[in-house]
Amino acid sequence: MHGARLLAALTRKRPGLKAFGMGGPRLREAGLDADVASESHSVVGISEVFGKIPAFARALSKLEEGARRRSPDAAVLIDFPDFHSFLARRLRRLRIPLIYYVSPQVWAWRRGRARKIARQASKIITLFPFEVEIYRRLGADAVCAGHPLVDDVREGLEMPSPLGPKTRRRLVLLPGSRASELQRHWEPMAAAAARLARRLDLELAAVRAPGLSESLFARAAERDIRVVTSGMHALLATADLAFVASGTATLESALCGTPMVVVYRTSPVSYAVGRLLVDVRWISLVNIVAGEEVVPELLQRDVTAQRLEEEGSALLGSPERIRRMREGLARASARLGPPGASDRAADAVIEALDSAARSKTT
């Protein structure tokens, strides 16, 4: 999504600019000549990655071969830090300048990797202001463009809500964008929502991310949960509460001013290894960006229907807690920067491209 916005901004500013590489449907629609389809390589967790190693190896070889054949002026590496670490080595051997966008969150758990990225990159473009300070201290040319979600949400809020006018209090479920997340989050979220709806007369809705099968939303109709595929931001803006899987969706909910309970469950192996490596106080981006516990987090064994029902009931029964949470969400949202992040990121990429071109001629 962020790559597609960046490429669209780049081609507006530099007509004739061409891009190839690895991307999904949105990047392809924005004009990417995709040597590799990224949607088949999406994975979360440490143990989960092992089954995809052969596919990753094939992707790396394709991208290296494409870079060798086309000699690009630069490579923009967007997130996906472990894969891009291997790709960066190959591209550096080809003397291709590296630009990191949506800089990997190695500040949370791999300080050594942050130093390596600072040495490798000709430019690092971050989403959050505190990331710039970290990379600049390591000697990198880093700039904060702000978060593209600010524009995404602003545009989304102009759409009508998929549920129409609101007649009751509304609870929205965002169980995740990957099948593995649905398998771990859906049942406790849905069961808790159904119980709360019976007790408190709530209207229920769930958002199905692109590419997810409807079958993953088991018993939704039976529980009077309407599953929608569009209008998420307009829906969130009308919600009294949301159950949200940790990830970008927590920032989207914050920008919509939606009170929430954040959940996340991964495999026991991934969680155990993560606990040893991760150096952050919270898991949700909204709390990390705010620098305080704005929203409650339920992790691993605490992701149960009972705990979600308890947290949801406590919030819906406390207007004062909801008021304080909305104030905290507003503070976190302000730290995502003003609109226009993709244009600012494109300007930074163009500056790096021009700098690389000047270096070649001197």
Protein backbone atom coordinates (compact mmCIF):
# COMPACT_ATOMS: atom_id res chain seq x y z
CA MET A 1 0.00 0.00 0.00
CA HIS A 2 2.75 2.47 0.98
CA GLY A 3 4.90 1.38 -1.98
CA ALA A 4 2.02 1.96 -4.38
CA ARG A 5 1.46 5.48 -3.06
CA LEU A 6 5.19 6.17 -3.32
CA LEU A 7 5.42 4.91 -6.90
CA ALA A 8 2.38 6.95 -7.92
CA ALA A 9 3.97 10.08 -6.43
CA LEU A 10 7.30 9.33 -8.12
CA THR A 11 5.76 8.92 -11.56
CA ARG A 12 3.82 12.18 -11.11
CA LYS A 13 7.00 14.02 -10.22
CA ARG A 14 9.23 12.23 -12.73
CA PRO A 15 7.20 11.27 -15.82
CA GLY A 16 8.86 8.39 -17.61
CA LEU A 17 10.29 6.88 -14.44
CA LYS A 18 10.06 3.06 -14.52
CA ALA A 19 10.10 0.58 -11.66
CA PHE A 20 10.43 -3.18 -11.45
CA GLY A 21 10.87 -5.65 -8.61
CA MET A 22 8.64 -7.32 -6.05
CA GLY A 23 5.12 -6.17 -5.18
CA GLY A 24 1.45 -6.96 -4.80
CA PRO A 25 -1.71 -5.91 -6.65
CA ARG A 26 -1.58 -2.24 -5.60
CA LEU A 27 2.02 -1.79 -6.69
CA ARG A 28 1.29 -3.50 -9.99
CA GLU A 29 -1.69 -1.17 -10.53
CA ALA A 30 0.64 1.77 -9.80
CA GLY A 31 2.92 0.64 -12.64
CA LEU A 32 5.39 -1.78 -11.09
CA ASP A 33 6.77 -4.38 -13.50
CA ALA A 34 6.63 -7.22 -10.97
CA ASP A 35 9.30 -9.89 -11.36
CA VAL A 36 8.00 -11.40 -8.09
CA ALA A 37 4.46 -11.30 -6.62
CA SER A 38 4.82 -10.34 -2.96
CA GLU A 39 1.43 -11.68 -1.79
CA SER A 40 2.72 -15.25 -2.04
CA HIS A 41 5.63 -14.40 0.29
CA SER A 42 3.70 -12.81 3.16
CA VAL A 43 4.51 -14.32 6.55
CA VAL A 44 4.52 -13.28 10.21
CA GLY A 45 6.49 -14.98 12.95
CA ILE A 46 9.81 -16.73 13.33
CA SER A 47 8.86 -20.40 13.14
CA GLU A 48 6.36 -19.66 10.34
CA VAL A 49 9.08 -18.47 7.96
CA PHE A 50 10.89 -21.81 7.57
CA GLY A 51 8.34 -23.30 5.17
CA LYS A 52 8.84 -20.39 2.77
CA ILE A 53 12.63 -20.43 2.61
CA PRO A 54 12.75 -22.08 -0.87
CA ALA A 55 10.31 -19.48 -2.25
CA PHE A 56 12.36 -16.67 -0.69
CA ALA A 57 15.53 -18.05 -2.28
CA ARG A 58 13.89 -18.15 -5.71
CA ALA A 59 12.62 -14.58 -5.27
CA LEU A 60 16.08 -13.33 -4.33
CA SER A 61 17.58 -14.94 -7.42
CA LYS A 62 14.91 -13.42 -9.69
CA LEU A 63 15.38 -9.96 -8.26
CA GLU A 64 19.17 -10.15 -8.48
CA GLU A 65 18.99 -11.33 -12.08
CA GLY A 66 16.56 -8.50 -12.93
CA ALA A 67 18.83 -5.92 -11.31
CA ARG A 68 21.87 -7.26 -13.11
CA ARG A 69 20.06 -7.15 -16.46
CA ARG A 70 18.39 -3.72 -16.08
CA SER A 71 21.00 -1.80 -14.01
CA PRO A 72 18.57 0.37 -12.02
CA ASP A 73 19.62 3.77 -10.67
CA ALA A 74 18.58 2.75 -7.15
CA ALA A 75 16.65 0.15 -5.17
CA VAL A 76 13.87 1.15 -2.76
CA LEU A 77 13.57 -1.49 -0.04
CA ILE A 78 10.22 -1.31 1.75
CA ASP A 79 9.99 -2.98 5.18
CA PHE A 80 10.40 -6.84 5.03
CA PRO A 81 13.75 -6.53 6.90
CA ASP A 82 15.07 -10.10 6.88
CA PHE A 83 14.42 -10.69 3.19
CA HIS A 84 15.82 -7.28 2.30
CA SER A 85 18.94 -7.91 4.34
CA PHE A 86 19.85 -10.74 1.94
CA LEU A 87 18.75 -8.75 -1.10
CA ALA A 88 20.79 -5.72 -0.01
CA ARG A 89 24.01 -7.77 -0.02
CA ARG A 90 23.40 -8.84 -3.61
CA LEU A 91 22.46 -5.36 -4.79
CA ARG A 92 25.49 -3.78 -3.13
CA ARG A 93 27.74 -6.19 -5.04
CA LEU A 94 26.12 -4.73 -8.17
CA ARG A 95 26.86 -1.20 -6.85
CA ILE A 96 23.19 -0.23 -6.77
CA PRO A 97 22.40 2.53 -4.22
CA LEU A 98 19.96 1.42 -1.51
CA ILE A 99 17.06 3.51 -0.22
CA TYR A 100 15.15 2.18 2.77
CA TYR A 101 11.50 3.22 3.06
CA VAL A 102 9.22 2.23 5.96
CA SER A 103 12.52 1.65 7.70
CA PRO A 104 12.70 -1.77 9.39
CA GLN A 105 11.80 -1.59 13.08
CA VAL A 106 15.19 -2.98 14.03
CA TRP A 107 15.36 -0.28 16.73
CA ALA A 108 12.99 -2.56 18.68
CA TRP A 109 14.99 -5.75 18.61
CA ARG A 110 18.13 -5.70 16.46
CA ARG A 111 20.35 -2.75 17.28
CA GLY A 112 23.22 -4.33 15.34
CA ARG A 113 21.01 -4.52 12.25
CA ALA A 114 20.16 -0.83 12.61
CA ARG A 115 23.89 0.01 12.44
CA LYS A 116 24.25 -2.19 9.36
CA ILE A 117 21.34 -0.50 7.60
CA ALA A 118 22.79 2.91 8.49
CA ARG A 119 26.06 1.92 6.80
CA GLN A 120 24.39 0.38 3.74
CA ALA A 121 21.76 2.96 2.88
CA SER A 122 22.27 6.06 0.79
CA LYS A 123 18.96 7.29 2.25
CA ILE A 124 16.60 6.11 4.99
CA ILE A 125 13.00 7.37 4.87
CA THR A 126 11.08 6.79 8.09
CA LEU A 127 7.43 6.98 9.10
CA PHE A 128 8.00 8.09 12.70
CA PRO A 129 10.08 11.04 13.98
CA PHE A 130 11.84 9.04 16.70
CA GLU A 131 13.26 6.67 14.05
CA VAL A 132 15.11 9.54 12.36
CA GLU A 133 16.94 10.37 15.58
CA ILE A 134 18.03 6.74 16.01
CA TYR A 135 19.40 6.40 12.48
CA ARG A 136 21.05 9.82 12.44
CA ARG A 137 22.92 8.97 15.64
CA LEU A 138 24.26 5.97 13.71
CA GLY A 139 25.52 8.24 10.94
CA ALA A 140 22.77 7.64 8.37
CA ASP A 141 21.20 10.14 5.99
CA ALA A 142 17.69 9.80 7.41
CA VAL A 143 14.52 11.83 6.92
CA CYS A 144 11.00 11.44 8.31
CA ALA A 145 8.29 11.63 5.66
CA GLY A 146 5.43 10.97 8.04
CA HIS A 147 2.88 8.17 7.76
CA PRO A 148 0.90 7.57 4.53
CA LEU A 149 -1.97 6.26 6.65
CA VAL A 150 -2.87 9.87 7.41
CA ASP A 151 -3.90 10.29 3.76
CA ASP A 152 -5.41 6.80 3.50
CA VAL A 153 -7.66 7.39 6.49
CA ARG A 154 -8.62 10.91 5.41
CA GLU A 155 -9.75 9.55 2.03
CA GLY A 156 -11.50 6.60 3.69
CA LEU A 157 -13.48 8.84 5.98
CA GLU A 158 -15.06 10.47 2.95
CA MET A 159 -16.74 7.16 2.04
CA PRO A 160 -20.12 6.17 3.48
CA SER A 161 -20.23 3.62 6.27
CA PRO A 162 -21.01 0.12 4.88
CA LEU A 163 -23.56 -0.35 7.69
CA GLY A 164 -25.49 2.83 6.98
CA PRO A 165 -26.87 5.09 9.72
CA LYS A 166 -26.05 4.06 13.27
CA THR A 167 -28.98 3.11 15.50
CA ARG A 168 -27.16 1.26 18.31
CA ARG A 169 -23.72 1.22 19.85
CA ARG A 170 -21.31 -0.44 17.44
CA LEU A 171 -18.46 -2.94 18.02
CA VAL A 172 -16.07 -3.57 15.11
CA LEU A 173 -13.70 -6.54 14.78
CA LEU A 174 -10.37 -6.27 12.92
CA PRO A 175 -8.92 -9.79 13.32
CA GLY A 176 -5.98 -9.33 10.96
CA SER A 177 -5.01 -9.34 7.30
CA ARG A 178 -3.47 -12.82 7.07
CA ALA A 179 -5.13 -16.23 7.24
CA SER A 180 -2.87 -17.27 10.13
CA GLU A 181 -4.02 -14.25 12.14
CA LEU A 182 -7.68 -15.07 11.50
CA GLN A 183 -7.15 -18.63 12.67
CA ARG A 184 -5.82 -17.36 15.99
CA HIS A 185 -7.95 -14.26 16.56
CA TRP A 186 -11.36 -14.75 14.99
CA GLU A 187 -13.00 -17.21 17.37
CA PRO A 188 -12.20 -15.39 20.65
CA MET A 189 -13.08 -12.02 19.08
CA ALA A 190 -16.36 -13.26 17.61
CA ALA A 191 -17.43 -15.14 20.73
CA ALA A 192 -16.73 -12.16 22.97
CA ALA A 193 -18.53 -9.79 20.59
CA ALA A 194 -21.60 -12.02 20.47
CA ARG A 195 -21.79 -12.16 24.28
CA LEU A 196 -21.40 -8.39 24.60
CA ALA A 197 -24.04 -7.81 21.92
CA ARG A 198 -26.57 -9.90 23.82
CA ARG A 199 -25.84 -8.10 27.10
CA LEU A 200 -25.49 -4.54 25.81
CA ASP A 201 -27.57 -4.50 22.60
CA LEU A 202 -24.64 -3.84 20.25
CA GLU A 203 -24.42 -3.82 16.47
CA LEU A 204 -21.51 -6.01 15.28
CA ALA A 205 -19.32 -5.81 12.19
CA ALA A 206 -16.04 -7.38 11.08
CA VAL A 207 -13.66 -6.28 8.33
CA ARG A 208 -12.39 -8.90 5.86
CA ALA A 209 -9.04 -7.91 4.35
CA PRO A 210 -8.41 -8.40 0.61
CA GLY A 211 -7.44 -11.96 -0.27
CA LEU A 212 -8.97 -13.57 2.82
CA SER A 213 -11.56 -16.29 2.37
CA GLU A 214 -15.03 -15.71 3.78
CA SER A 215 -14.81 -19.21 5.28
CA LEU A 216 -12.29 -17.90 7.84
CA PHE A 217 -15.12 -15.89 9.45
CA ALA A 218 -16.86 -18.94 10.89
CA ARG A 219 -20.43 -18.54 12.22
CA ALA A 220 -20.43 -14.79 11.56
CA ALA A 221 -24.04 -14.69 10.34
CA GLU A 222 -25.16 -16.95 13.17
CA ARG A 223 -23.70 -14.43 15.62
CA ASP A 224 -25.23 -11.45 13.78
CA ILE A 225 -21.79 -10.19 12.76
CA ARG A 226 -21.86 -8.45 9.40
CA VAL A 227 -18.62 -9.02 7.48
CA VAL A 228 -17.65 -6.11 5.20
CA THR A 229 -14.85 -5.71 2.67
CA SER A 230 -14.81 -1.93 2.19
CA GLY A 231 -15.46 1.31 4.02
CA MET A 232 -13.33 0.30 7.01
CA HIS A 233 -12.34 3.83 8.04
CA ALA A 234 -15.88 5.19 7.82
CA LEU A 235 -17.02 2.18 9.84
CA LEU A 236 -14.34 2.70 12.50
CA ALA A 237 -15.24 6.37 12.81
CA THR A 238 -18.76 5.36 13.90
CA ALA A 239 -17.63 2.56 16.25
CA ASP A 240 -17.92 2.80 20.02
CA LEU A 241 -15.25 0.11 20.40
CA ALA A 242 -13.05 -2.14 18.27
CA PHE A 243 -11.17 -5.37 18.88
CA VAL A 244 -8.01 -4.95 16.76
CA ALA A 245 -5.19 -7.33 15.87
CA SER A 246 -1.85 -5.65 16.55
CA GLY A 247 -0.37 -4.05 13.45
CA THR A 248 -1.06 -1.11 11.17
CA ALA A 249 -4.77 -1.41 11.91
CA THR A 250 -4.16 0.00 15.40
CA LEU A 251 -2.87 3.23 13.84
CA GLU A 252 -5.80 3.34 11.42
CA SER A 253 -8.18 2.96 14.36
CA ALA A 254 -6.33 5.69 16.25
CA LEU A 255 -6.63 8.08 13.30
CA CYS A 256 -10.37 7.36 13.26
CA GLY A 257 -10.55 8.09 17.00
CA THR A 258 -11.83 4.58 17.75
CA PRO A 259 -11.43 3.19 21.30
CA MET A 260 -9.94 -0.29 21.08
CA VAL A 261 -8.62 -3.40 22.72
CA VAL A 262 -5.51 -4.72 20.94
CA VAL A 263 -4.88 -8.46 20.69
CA TYR A 264 -2.13 -10.63 19.28
CA ARG A 265 -1.39 -14.32 19.35
CA THR A 266 1.39 -16.04 17.45
CA SER A 267 3.02 -19.48 17.68
CA PRO A 268 4.59 -20.33 21.06
CA VAL A 269 8.04 -20.63 19.44
CA SER A 270 7.80 -17.20 17.75
CA TYR A 271 6.58 -15.60 20.95
CA ALA A 272 9.31 -17.20 23.10
CA VAL A 273 12.07 -16.11 20.73
CA GLY A 274 10.53 -12.65 20.40
CA ARG A 275 10.47 -12.19 24.17
CA LEU A 276 14.21 -12.85 24.24
CA LEU A 277 14.98 -10.39 21.44
CA VAL A 278 12.42 -7.59 21.54
CA ASP A 279 13.22 -4.48 23.53
CA VAL A 280 9.90 -2.62 23.56
CA ARG A 281 7.45 -2.06 26.38
CA TRP A 282 4.31 -2.54 24.26
CA ILE A 283 3.47 -4.53 21.15
CA SER A 284 0.87 -2.25 19.55
CA LEU A 285 2.09 0.58 17.33
CA VAL A 286 -0.43 3.00 18.81
CA ASN A 287 1.11 2.61 22.29
CA ILE A 288 4.67 2.65 20.93
CA VAL A 289 4.06 5.85 18.95
CA ALA A 290 2.25 7.49 21.87
CA GLY A 291 5.02 6.47 24.29
CA GLU A 292 2.37 5.50 26.82
CA GLU A 293 -0.27 2.84 27.36
CA VAL A 294 -3.22 4.39 25.58
CA VAL A 295 -5.02 1.11 24.79
CA PRO A 296 -5.07 -2.26 26.60
CA GLU A 297 -3.20 -5.17 25.04
CA LEU A 298 -4.09 -8.87 25.32
CA LEU A 299 -1.34 -11.25 24.19
CA GLN A 300 -0.98 -15.00 23.72
CA ARG A 301 -2.93 -16.92 26.41
CA ASP A 302 -4.85 -13.77 27.33
CA VAL A 303 -6.47 -13.72 23.89
CA THR A 304 -9.66 -15.43 25.06
CA ALA A 305 -13.33 -14.68 24.66
CA GLN A 306 -13.62 -14.18 28.42
CA ARG A 307 -10.80 -11.62 28.65
CA LEU A 308 -12.03 -9.74 25.59
CA GLU A 309 -15.55 -9.65 26.99
CA GLU A 310 -14.24 -8.34 30.32
CA GLU A 311 -12.12 -5.62 28.71
CA GLY A 312 -14.86 -4.64 26.28
CA SER A 313 -17.51 -4.49 29.00
CA ALA A 314 -15.27 -2.39 31.25
CA LEU A 315 -14.59 0.13 28.49
CA LEU A 316 -18.16 0.39 27.25
CA GLY A 317 -19.30 0.89 30.83
CA SER A 318 -16.86 3.74 31.53
CA PRO A 319 -17.38 6.98 29.58
CA GLU A 320 -14.42 8.47 31.50
CA ARG A 321 -12.01 5.73 30.32
CA ILE A 322 -13.28 6.17 26.76
CA ARG A 323 -12.73 9.93 26.98
CA ARG A 324 -9.15 9.51 28.23
CA MET A 325 -8.45 6.90 25.57
CA ARG A 326 -9.70 9.16 22.78
CA GLU A 327 -7.40 11.91 24.06
CA GLY A 328 -4.46 9.49 23.97
CA LEU A 329 -5.39 8.35 20.46
CA ALA A 330 -5.38 11.98 19.33
CA ARG A 331 -1.87 12.44 20.76
CA ALA A 332 -0.62 9.34 18.98
CA SER A 333 -2.26 10.43 15.71
CA ALA A 334 -0.56 13.83 15.87
CA ARG A 335 2.82 12.08 15.88
CA LEU A 336 2.12 10.48 12.50
CA GLY A 337 2.65 13.83 10.78
CA PRO A 338 0.56 15.93 8.40
CA PRO A 339 -0.97 14.75 5.11
CA GLY A 340 1.32 14.37 2.09
CA ALA A 341 3.71 11.68 3.41
CA SER A 342 4.00 9.85 0.08
CA ASP A 343 4.92 13.07 -1.75
CA ARG A 344 7.57 13.84 0.86
CA ALA A 345 8.93 10.30 0.54
CA ALA A 346 9.02 10.67 -3.25
CA ASP A 347 10.99 13.91 -2.90
CA ALA A 348 13.53 12.08 -0.71
CA VAL A 349 13.84 9.27 -3.26
CA ILE A 350 14.33 11.74 -6.11
CA GLU A 351 17.00 13.57 -4.10
CA ALA A 352 18.82 10.24 -3.60
CA LEU A 353 18.49 9.38 -7.30
CA ASP A 354 19.89 12.77 -8.33
CA SER A 355 22.73 12.44 -5.85
CA ALA A 356 23.60 8.99 -7.23
CA ALA A 357 23.51 10.36 -10.80
CA ARG A 358 25.88 13.21 -9.86
CA SER A 359 28.27 10.73 -8.25
CA LYS A 360 28.41 8.69 -11.45
CA THR A 361 29.43 11.72 -13.51
CA THR A 362 32.17 12.96 -11.15
